[in-house]
Structures are given as C-alpha cells and as structure tokens.
All heavy atoms as atom14 arrays in JSON, in Angstrom:
{
  "sequence": "LDAAYADLLADNLDILAGIPDAALKTYKDDLGDRAV",
  "atom14_mask": [
    [1, 1, 1, 1, 1, 1, 1, 1, 0, 0, 0, 0, 0, 0],
    [1, 1, 1, 1, 1, 1, 1, 1, 0, 0, 0, 0, 0, 0],
    [1, 1, 1, 1, 1, 0, 0, 0, 0, 0, 0, 0, 0, 0],
    [1, 1, 1, 1, 1, 0, 0, 0, 0, 0, 0, 0, 0, 0],
    [1, 1, 1, 1, 1, 1, 1, 1, 1, 1, 1, 1, 0, 0],
    [1, 1, 1, 1, 1, 0, 0, 0, 0, 0, 0, 0, 0, 0],
    [1, 1, 1, 1, 1, 1, 1, 1, 0, 0, 0, 0, 0, 0],
    [1, 1, 1, 1, 1, 1, 1, 1, 0, 0, 0, 0, 0, 0],
    [1, 1, 1, 1, 1, 1, 1, 1, 0, 0, 0, 0, 0, 0],
    [1, 1, 1, 1, 1, 0, 0, 0, 0, 0, 0, 0, 0, 0],
    [1, 1, 1, 1, 1, 1, 1, 1, 0, 0, 0, 0, 0, 0],
    [1, 1, 1, 1, 1, 1, 1, 1, 0, 0, 0, 0, 0, 0],
    [1, 1, 1, 1, 1, 1, 1, 1, 0, 0, 0, 0, 0, 0],
    [1, 1, 1, 1, 1, 1, 1, 1, 0, 0, 0, 0, 0, 0],
    [1, 1, 1, 1, 1, 1, 1, 1, 0, 0, 0, 0, 0, 0],
    [1, 1, 1, 1, 1, 1, 1, 1, 0, 0, 0, 0, 0, 0],
    [1, 1, 1, 1, 1, 0, 0, 0, 0, 0, 0, 0, 0, 0],
    [1, 1, 1, 1, 0, 0, 0, 0, 0, 0, 0, 0, 0, 0],
    [1, 1, 1, 1, 1, 1, 1, 1, 0, 0, 0, 0, 0, 0],
    [1, 1, 1, 1, 1, 1, 1, 0, 0, 0, 0, 0, 0, 0],
    [1, 1, 1, 1, 1, 1, 1, 1, 0, 0, 0, 0, 0, 0],
    [1, 1, 1, 1, 1, 0, 0, 0, 0, 0, 0, 0, 0, 0],
    [1, 1, 1, 1, 1, 0, 0, 0, 0, 0, 0, 0, 0, 0],
    [1, 1, 1, 1, 1, 1, 1, 1, 0, 0, 0, 0, 0, 0],
    [1, 1, 1, 1, 1, 1, 1, 1, 1, 0, 0, 0, 0, 0],
    [1, 1, 1, 1, 1, 1, 1, 0, 0, 0, 0, 0, 0, 0],
    [1, 1, 1, 1, 1, 1, 1, 1, 1, 1, 1, 1, 0, 0],
    [1, 1, 1, 1, 1, 1, 1, 1, 1, 0, 0, 0, 0, 0],
    [1, 1, 1, 1, 1, 1, 1, 1, 0, 0, 0, 0, 0, 0],
    [1, 1, 1, 1, 1, 1, 1, 1, 0, 0, 0, 0, 0, 0],
    [1, 1, 1, 1, 1, 1, 1, 1, 0, 0, 0, 0, 0, 0],
    [1, 1, 1, 1, 0, 0, 0, 0, 0, 0, 0, 0, 0, 0],
    [1, 1, 1, 1, 1, 1, 1, 1, 0, 0, 0, 0, 0, 0],
    [1, 1, 1, 1, 1, 1, 1, 1, 1, 1, 1, 0, 0, 0],
    [1, 1, 1, 1, 1, 0, 0, 0, 0, 0, 0, 0, 0, 0],
    [1, 1, 1, 1, 1, 1, 1, 0, 0, 0, 0, 0, 0, 0]
  ],
  "atom14_positions": [
    [[86.5, 88.79, 97.37], [87.14, 89.43, 96.22], [86.22, 89.39, 95.01], [86.26, 90.28, 94.15], [88.46, 88.72, 95.92], [89.56, 89.51, 95.21], [89.86, 90.82, 95.91], [90.81, 88.66, 95.1], [0.0, 0.0, 0.0], [0.0, 0.0, 0.0], [0.0, 0.0, 0.0], [0.0, 0.0, 0.0], [0.0, 0.0, 0.0], [0.0, 0.0, 0.0]],
    [[85.38, 88.37, 94.93], [84.44, 88.28, 93.82], [83.45, 89.44, 93.84], [83.12, 90.01, 92.78], [83.67, 86.95, 93.9], [84.58, 85.76, 93.8], [84.87, 85.34, 92.67], [85.02, 85.26, 94.84], [0.0, 0.0, 0.0], [0.0, 0.0, 0.0], [0.0, 0.0, 0.0], [0.0, 0.0, 0.0], [0.0, 0.0, 0.0], [0.0, 0.0, 0.0]],
    [[82.97, 89.81, 95.04], [82.05, 90.94, 95.15], [82.74, 92.23, 94.75], [82.15, 93.09, 94.08], [81.51, 91.04, 96.57], [0.0, 0.0, 0.0], [0.0, 0.0, 0.0], [0.0, 0.0, 0.0], [0.0, 0.0, 0.0], [0.0, 0.0, 0.0], [0.0, 0.0, 0.0], [0.0, 0.0, 0.0], [0.0, 0.0, 0.0], [0.0, 0.0, 0.0]],
    [[84.0, 92.39, 95.14], [84.74, 93.59, 94.77], [84.94, 93.66, 93.26], [84.82, 94.73, 92.65], [86.1, 93.6, 95.48], [0.0, 0.0, 0.0], [0.0, 0.0, 0.0], [0.0, 0.0, 0.0], [0.0, 0.0, 0.0], [0.0, 0.0, 0.0], [0.0, 0.0, 0.0], [0.0, 0.0, 0.0], [0.0, 0.0, 0.0], [0.0, 0.0, 0.0]],
    [[85.23, 92.52, 92.65], [85.43, 92.5, 91.2], [84.14, 92.84, 90.46], [84.14, 93.56, 89.45], [85.94, 91.13, 90.76], [86.3, 91.06, 89.29], [87.35, 91.81, 88.78], [85.59, 90.24, 88.41], [87.69, 91.76, 87.44], [85.92, 90.17, 87.07], [86.98, 90.93, 86.59], [87.31, 90.89, 85.26], [0.0, 0.0, 0.0], [0.0, 0.0, 0.0]],
    [[83.03, 92.33, 90.97], [81.73, 92.66, 90.35], [81.48, 94.16, 90.42], [80.98, 94.76, 89.46], [80.61, 91.9, 91.06], [0.0, 0.0, 0.0], [0.0, 0.0, 0.0], [0.0, 0.0, 0.0], [0.0, 0.0, 0.0], [0.0, 0.0, 0.0], [0.0, 0.0, 0.0], [0.0, 0.0, 0.0], [0.0, 0.0, 0.0], [0.0, 0.0, 0.0]],
    [[81.82, 94.78, 91.54], [81.67, 96.24, 91.66], [82.59, 96.98, 90.69], [82.23, 98.03, 90.16], [81.95, 96.68, 93.1], [80.66, 96.84, 93.9], [79.59, 96.53, 93.37], [80.75, 97.28, 95.06], [0.0, 0.0, 0.0], [0.0, 0.0, 0.0], [0.0, 0.0, 0.0], [0.0, 0.0, 0.0], [0.0, 0.0, 0.0], [0.0, 0.0, 0.0]],
    [[83.79, 96.46, 90.51], [84.7, 97.1, 89.57], [84.12, 97.07, 88.16], [84.13, 98.09, 87.45], [86.05, 96.38, 89.6], [87.11, 96.94, 88.65], [87.6, 98.29, 89.14], [88.27, 95.97, 88.5], [0.0, 0.0, 0.0], [0.0, 0.0, 0.0], [0.0, 0.0, 0.0], [0.0, 0.0, 0.0], [0.0, 0.0, 0.0], [0.0, 0.0, 0.0]],
    [[83.6, 95.93, 87.74], [83.02, 95.81, 86.41], [81.82, 96.74, 86.23], [81.56, 97.22, 85.12], [82.6, 94.36, 86.14], [83.73, 93.33, 86.06], [83.14, 91.94, 85.82], [84.72, 93.69, 84.96], [0.0, 0.0, 0.0], [0.0, 0.0, 0.0], [0.0, 0.0, 0.0], [0.0, 0.0, 0.0], [0.0, 0.0, 0.0], [0.0, 0.0, 0.0]],
    [[81.11, 96.99, 87.32], [79.94, 97.86, 87.26], [80.29, 99.33, 87.48], [79.4, 100.17, 87.55], [78.92, 97.42, 88.31], [0.0, 0.0, 0.0], [0.0, 0.0, 0.0], [0.0, 0.0, 0.0], [0.0, 0.0, 0.0], [0.0, 0.0, 0.0], [0.0, 0.0, 0.0], [0.0, 0.0, 0.0], [0.0, 0.0, 0.0], [0.0, 0.0, 0.0]],
    [[81.59, 99.64, 87.58], [82.05, 101.01, 87.85], [81.59, 101.54, 89.2], [81.49, 102.75, 89.41], [81.62, 101.98, 86.74], [82.69, 102.12, 85.66], [83.79, 101.58, 85.83], [82.42, 102.8, 84.64], [0.0, 0.0, 0.0], [0.0, 0.0, 0.0], [0.0, 0.0, 0.0], [0.0, 0.0, 0.0], [0.0, 0.0, 0.0], [0.0, 0.0, 0.0]],
    [[81.31, 100.63, 90.13], [80.97, 101.03, 91.49], [82.18, 101.01, 92.42], [82.08, 101.37, 93.58], [79.89, 100.1, 92.07], [78.54, 100.31, 91.42], [78.2, 101.42, 91.04], [77.8, 99.23, 91.25], [0.0, 0.0, 0.0], [0.0, 0.0, 0.0], [0.0, 0.0, 0.0], [0.0, 0.0, 0.0], [0.0, 0.0, 0.0], [0.0, 0.0, 0.0]],
    [[83.31, 100.55, 91.91], [84.58, 100.54, 92.62], [85.64, 101.05, 91.66], [85.69, 100.63, 90.51], [84.92, 99.12, 93.09], [86.25, 98.95, 93.82], [86.19, 99.61, 95.21], [86.61, 97.46, 93.97], [0.0, 0.0, 0.0], [0.0, 0.0, 0.0], [0.0, 0.0, 0.0], [0.0, 0.0, 0.0], [0.0, 0.0, 0.0], [0.0, 0.0, 0.0]],
    [[86.47, 101.97, 92.14], [87.46, 102.58, 91.25], [88.74, 101.78, 91.12], [89.3, 101.65, 90.02], [87.81, 104.0, 91.74], [86.65, 104.96, 91.59], [85.97, 104.9, 90.55], [86.42, 105.75, 92.52], [0.0, 0.0, 0.0], [0.0, 0.0, 0.0], [0.0, 0.0, 0.0], [0.0, 0.0, 0.0], [0.0, 0.0, 0.0], [0.0, 0.0, 0.0]],
    [[89.26, 101.27, 92.25], [90.55, 100.58, 92.25], [90.4, 99.22, 92.91], [89.9, 99.13, 94.05], [91.62, 101.4, 93.0], [91.71, 102.82, 92.46], [92.97, 100.69, 92.92], [92.17, 102.91, 91.02], [0.0, 0.0, 0.0], [0.0, 0.0, 0.0], [0.0, 0.0, 0.0], [0.0, 0.0, 0.0], [0.0, 0.0, 0.0], [0.0, 0.0, 0.0]],
    [[90.86, 98.17, 92.24], [90.84, 96.84, 92.82], [92.26, 96.28, 92.82], [92.87, 96.11, 91.77], [89.93, 95.91, 92.01], [89.88, 94.44, 92.47], [89.34, 94.35, 93.89], [89.05, 93.59, 91.52], [0.0, 0.0, 0.0], [0.0, 0.0, 0.0], [0.0, 0.0, 0.0], [0.0, 0.0, 0.0], [0.0, 0.0, 0.0], [0.0, 0.0, 0.0]],
    [[92.77, 96.02, 94.01], [94.09, 95.4, 94.16], [93.85, 93.92, 94.42], [93.57, 93.52, 95.55], [94.86, 96.05, 95.29], [0.0, 0.0, 0.0], [0.0, 0.0, 0.0], [0.0, 0.0, 0.0], [0.0, 0.0, 0.0], [0.0, 0.0, 0.0], [0.0, 0.0, 0.0], [0.0, 0.0, 0.0], [0.0, 0.0, 0.0], [0.0, 0.0, 0.0]],
    [[93.96, 93.11, 93.39], [93.68, 91.68, 93.5], [92.56, 91.27, 92.57], [91.6, 92.03, 92.39], [0.0, 0.0, 0.0], [0.0, 0.0, 0.0], [0.0, 0.0, 0.0], [0.0, 0.0, 0.0], [0.0, 0.0, 0.0], [0.0, 0.0, 0.0], [0.0, 0.0, 0.0], [0.0, 0.0, 0.0], [0.0, 0.0, 0.0], [0.0, 0.0, 0.0]],
    [[92.69, 90.11, 91.98], [91.67, 89.58, 91.08], [91.28, 88.2, 91.6], [92.14, 87.37, 91.92], [92.21, 89.44, 89.63], [92.59, 90.83, 89.08], [91.18, 88.79, 88.72], [91.43, 91.79, 88.89], [0.0, 0.0, 0.0], [0.0, 0.0, 0.0], [0.0, 0.0, 0.0], [0.0, 0.0, 0.0], [0.0, 0.0, 0.0], [0.0, 0.0, 0.0]],
    [[89.97, 87.91, 91.71], [89.57, 86.58, 92.18], [90.02, 85.49, 91.21], [90.13, 85.73, 90.0], [88.04, 86.68, 92.26], [87.67, 87.81, 91.34], [88.81, 88.77, 91.41], [0.0, 0.0, 0.0], [0.0, 0.0, 0.0], [0.0, 0.0, 0.0], [0.0, 0.0, 0.0], [0.0, 0.0, 0.0], [0.0, 0.0, 0.0], [0.0, 0.0, 0.0]],
    [[90.28, 84.32, 91.76], [90.78, 83.22, 90.93], [89.9, 82.98, 89.71], [90.4, 82.74, 88.61], [90.85, 81.93, 91.76], [91.89, 81.99, 92.86], [92.71, 82.94, 92.85], [91.88, 81.11, 93.74], [0.0, 0.0, 0.0], [0.0, 0.0, 0.0], [0.0, 0.0, 0.0], [0.0, 0.0, 0.0], [0.0, 0.0, 0.0], [0.0, 0.0, 0.0]],
    [[88.59, 83.04, 89.91], [87.67, 82.72, 88.82], [87.76, 83.69, 87.66], [87.34, 83.37, 86.54], [86.24, 82.69, 89.36], [0.0, 0.0, 0.0], [0.0, 0.0, 0.0], [0.0, 0.0, 0.0], [0.0, 0.0, 0.0], [0.0, 0.0, 0.0], [0.0, 0.0, 0.0], [0.0, 0.0, 0.0], [0.0, 0.0, 0.0], [0.0, 0.0, 0.0]],
    [[88.31, 84.88, 87.9], [88.38, 85.9, 86.85], [89.76, 86.05, 86.23], [89.96, 86.85, 85.31], [87.91, 87.25, 87.4], [0.0, 0.0, 0.0], [0.0, 0.0, 0.0], [0.0, 0.0, 0.0], [0.0, 0.0, 0.0], [0.0, 0.0, 0.0], [0.0, 0.0, 0.0], [0.0, 0.0, 0.0], [0.0, 0.0, 0.0], [0.0, 0.0, 0.0]],
    [[90.75, 85.28, 86.71], [92.11, 85.46, 86.22], [92.24, 85.17, 84.72], [93.08, 85.76, 84.04], [93.07, 84.56, 87.01], [93.44, 85.08, 88.4], [94.26, 84.04, 89.16], [94.22, 86.39, 88.31], [0.0, 0.0, 0.0], [0.0, 0.0, 0.0], [0.0, 0.0, 0.0], [0.0, 0.0, 0.0], [0.0, 0.0, 0.0], [0.0, 0.0, 0.0]],
    [[91.42, 84.27, 84.2], [91.49, 83.97, 82.78], [90.8, 85.01, 81.91], [91.06, 85.11, 80.71], [90.86, 82.6, 82.51], [91.65, 81.43, 83.08], [90.99, 80.11, 82.71], [91.8, 78.93, 83.25], [91.18, 77.62, 82.9], [0.0, 0.0, 0.0], [0.0, 0.0, 0.0], [0.0, 0.0, 0.0], [0.0, 0.0, 0.0], [0.0, 0.0, 0.0]],
    [[89.93, 85.81, 82.52], [89.11, 86.72, 81.72], [89.31, 88.19, 82.02], [88.85, 89.04, 81.26], [87.62, 86.4, 81.91], [87.26, 86.6, 83.3], [87.31, 84.95, 81.53], [0.0, 0.0, 0.0], [0.0, 0.0, 0.0], [0.0, 0.0, 0.0], [0.0, 0.0, 0.0], [0.0, 0.0, 0.0], [0.0, 0.0, 0.0], [0.0, 0.0, 0.0]],
    [[90.0, 88.53, 83.15], [89.98, 89.93, 83.57], [90.66, 90.87, 82.59], [90.26, 92.03, 82.45], [90.56, 90.08, 84.99], [92.05, 90.22, 85.1], [92.64, 91.47, 85.33], [92.9, 89.12, 85.0], [94.01, 91.61, 85.46], [94.26, 89.25, 85.14], [94.82, 90.49, 85.36], [96.17, 90.64, 85.49], [0.0, 0.0, 0.0], [0.0, 0.0, 0.0]],
    [[91.66, 90.39, 81.88], [92.31, 91.26, 80.89], [91.38, 91.57, 79.73], [91.39, 92.68, 79.19], [93.62, 90.63, 80.41], [94.69, 90.56, 81.49], [95.98, 89.97, 80.97], [97.02, 89.91, 82.08], [98.3, 89.3, 81.62], [0.0, 0.0, 0.0], [0.0, 0.0, 0.0], [0.0, 0.0, 0.0], [0.0, 0.0, 0.0], [0.0, 0.0, 0.0]],
    [[90.58, 90.59, 79.34], [89.57, 90.84, 78.3], [88.46, 91.73, 78.84], [87.95, 92.61, 78.14], [88.99, 89.52, 77.79], [90.0, 88.71, 77.0], [90.92, 89.31, 76.4], [89.88, 87.47, 76.99], [0.0, 0.0, 0.0], [0.0, 0.0, 0.0], [0.0, 0.0, 0.0], [0.0, 0.0, 0.0], [0.0, 0.0, 0.0], [0.0, 0.0, 0.0]],
    [[88.08, 91.48, 80.1], [87.01, 92.27, 80.71], [87.39, 93.75, 80.83], [86.56, 94.64, 80.6], [86.68, 91.75, 82.12], [86.07, 90.36, 82.11], [85.57, 89.93, 81.05], [86.1, 89.7, 83.16], [0.0, 0.0, 0.0], [0.0, 0.0, 0.0], [0.0, 0.0, 0.0], [0.0, 0.0, 0.0], [0.0, 0.0, 0.0], [0.0, 0.0, 0.0]],
    [[88.65, 94.0, 81.21], [89.07, 95.37, 81.54], [89.89, 96.04, 80.45], [90.05, 97.27, 80.47], [89.88, 95.35, 82.84], [89.14, 94.84, 84.08], [90.1, 94.74, 85.26], [87.96, 95.74, 84.43], [0.0, 0.0, 0.0], [0.0, 0.0, 0.0], [0.0, 0.0, 0.0], [0.0, 0.0, 0.0], [0.0, 0.0, 0.0], [0.0, 0.0, 0.0]],
    [[90.44, 95.27, 79.54], [91.25, 95.87, 78.48], [92.48, 96.56, 79.05], [93.2, 95.99, 79.88], [0.0, 0.0, 0.0], [0.0, 0.0, 0.0], [0.0, 0.0, 0.0], [0.0, 0.0, 0.0], [0.0, 0.0, 0.0], [0.0, 0.0, 0.0], [0.0, 0.0, 0.0], [0.0, 0.0, 0.0], [0.0, 0.0, 0.0], [0.0, 0.0, 0.0]],
    [[92.71, 97.79, 78.64], [93.9, 98.51, 79.11], [93.77, 98.99, 80.55], [94.68, 99.62, 81.08], [94.25, 99.68, 78.19], [93.13, 100.71, 78.07], [92.12, 100.59, 78.8], [93.26, 101.62, 77.24], [0.0, 0.0, 0.0], [0.0, 0.0, 0.0], [0.0, 0.0, 0.0], [0.0, 0.0, 0.0], [0.0, 0.0, 0.0], [0.0, 0.0, 0.0]],
    [[92.66, 98.68, 81.2], [92.5, 99.0, 82.62], [92.89, 97.83, 83.52], [92.74, 97.91, 84.74], [91.05, 99.42, 82.9], [90.65, 100.72, 82.22], [89.23, 101.15, 82.54], [88.24, 100.29, 81.89], [87.44, 99.45, 82.53], [87.49, 99.35, 83.86], [86.57, 98.72, 81.87], [0.0, 0.0, 0.0], [0.0, 0.0, 0.0], [0.0, 0.0, 0.0]],
    [[93.39, 96.76, 82.94], [93.87, 95.62, 83.7], [95.32, 95.85, 84.12], [96.11, 96.43, 83.38], [93.76, 94.34, 82.87], [0.0, 0.0, 0.0], [0.0, 0.0, 0.0], [0.0, 0.0, 0.0], [0.0, 0.0, 0.0], [0.0, 0.0, 0.0], [0.0, 0.0, 0.0], [0.0, 0.0, 0.0], [0.0, 0.0, 0.0], [0.0, 0.0, 0.0]],
    [[95.66, 95.41, 85.32], [97.01, 95.56, 85.85], [97.63, 94.18, 86.04], [97.01, 93.29, 86.63], [96.99, 96.32, 87.2], [98.39, 96.37, 87.8], [96.44, 97.72, 87.01], [0.0, 0.0, 0.0], [0.0, 0.0, 0.0], [0.0, 0.0, 0.0], [0.0, 0.0, 0.0], [0.0, 0.0, 0.0], [0.0, 0.0, 0.0], [0.0, 0.0, 0.0]]
  ]
}
C-alpha cells in the first residue's frame, strides 16, 4: 500500500482505496480536498 500511495502522490495513480498506516496522520494534509 505504501508503493501505491507514493504513486498517488506522484499522480501516477488516479484512485487509491486505502491509506497505509504510516500516512494516516498526514494524508489529509498531503491530499487536501482529494482525501477521502
């Protein structure tokens, strides 16, 4: 899931269902209104 999340941040993946544990504290800041 970490590799998928890295691709999402790089715009190499369009949709990610699931966030790796390590990113749960930061993903809303990382993605802004694109966080689910």
